[in-house]
């Protein structure tokens, strides 16, 4: 895999920003044969996973604290990791439009720069904590763009009240008087809305550790999705809000996604 760091000006954010990309490349095999770019010219386009960080994180978190490079290499998946600050992945009152950035501007740039498949069924979004609820919100708000959506320890429940509280790390991303109920920031409303209106509903994966402080909120959302009949995959296991849990779950998510190991599928 190539590990690529890009700094560029984003019109959606009105500032320069960073994004890290993992890109499948030729590699040495166990037999000692060195693949060349010429030999691999027929490969791709590749599926793309947009992978979101949590609160206080940035574009480097997943490569620093997990084995994401190894998992993506084995499956020939491009992984795109943007820096979205503590924005909750929203279009903010501060005119930093992170929803637009992640769902429109960034995919356009990635599809222009890399051998990425632009097909819905090859476009995935996932994240942890703030990025988990962010992936749920972005993915279900744009069901025509994402085929698969995964939330790891998502920040669901009454987080909207907590986020808007003065002095919180997310307060700048909200108008103090804005109503979130009945909008895409309301996960229950959004789930029912996409079920009732979308031509195609993304495949959905939710997970949380049983000792995580967000466990009950994730179970509550799980029960609601069951109640309204929205299909999803749910997994829980012992764990807290940490990288031991997230690394194991992102490996499981790669097994859940419609991507085959190298040598088995259409991307090799």
Foldseek 3Di string as FASTA:
>chain_A
DDWDKDWDQDPQQRGIWIKIKQAADWQADPVRDGDDCVNQVPFDPAFEEEEEEAAPDARCVCVVQAPVNVLCNQQRYMYMGTGDYLQLQACAPVSNHSLCCVQPVVVVVPVVPGRHDQQQLRYEYEYEASSQLSQLLSCLVCVRRHQETEGELYPADPVVQVQCPPPDSNVRRDDNPDDDPCHSSHNLNSLLVSVPDPPDGHEYEYEYEPAEPSVVRSVVVVVSCVVSVPDYHYDYYHDYRDSVRVNVVVSVVSVVRPTDTPPPDRRD
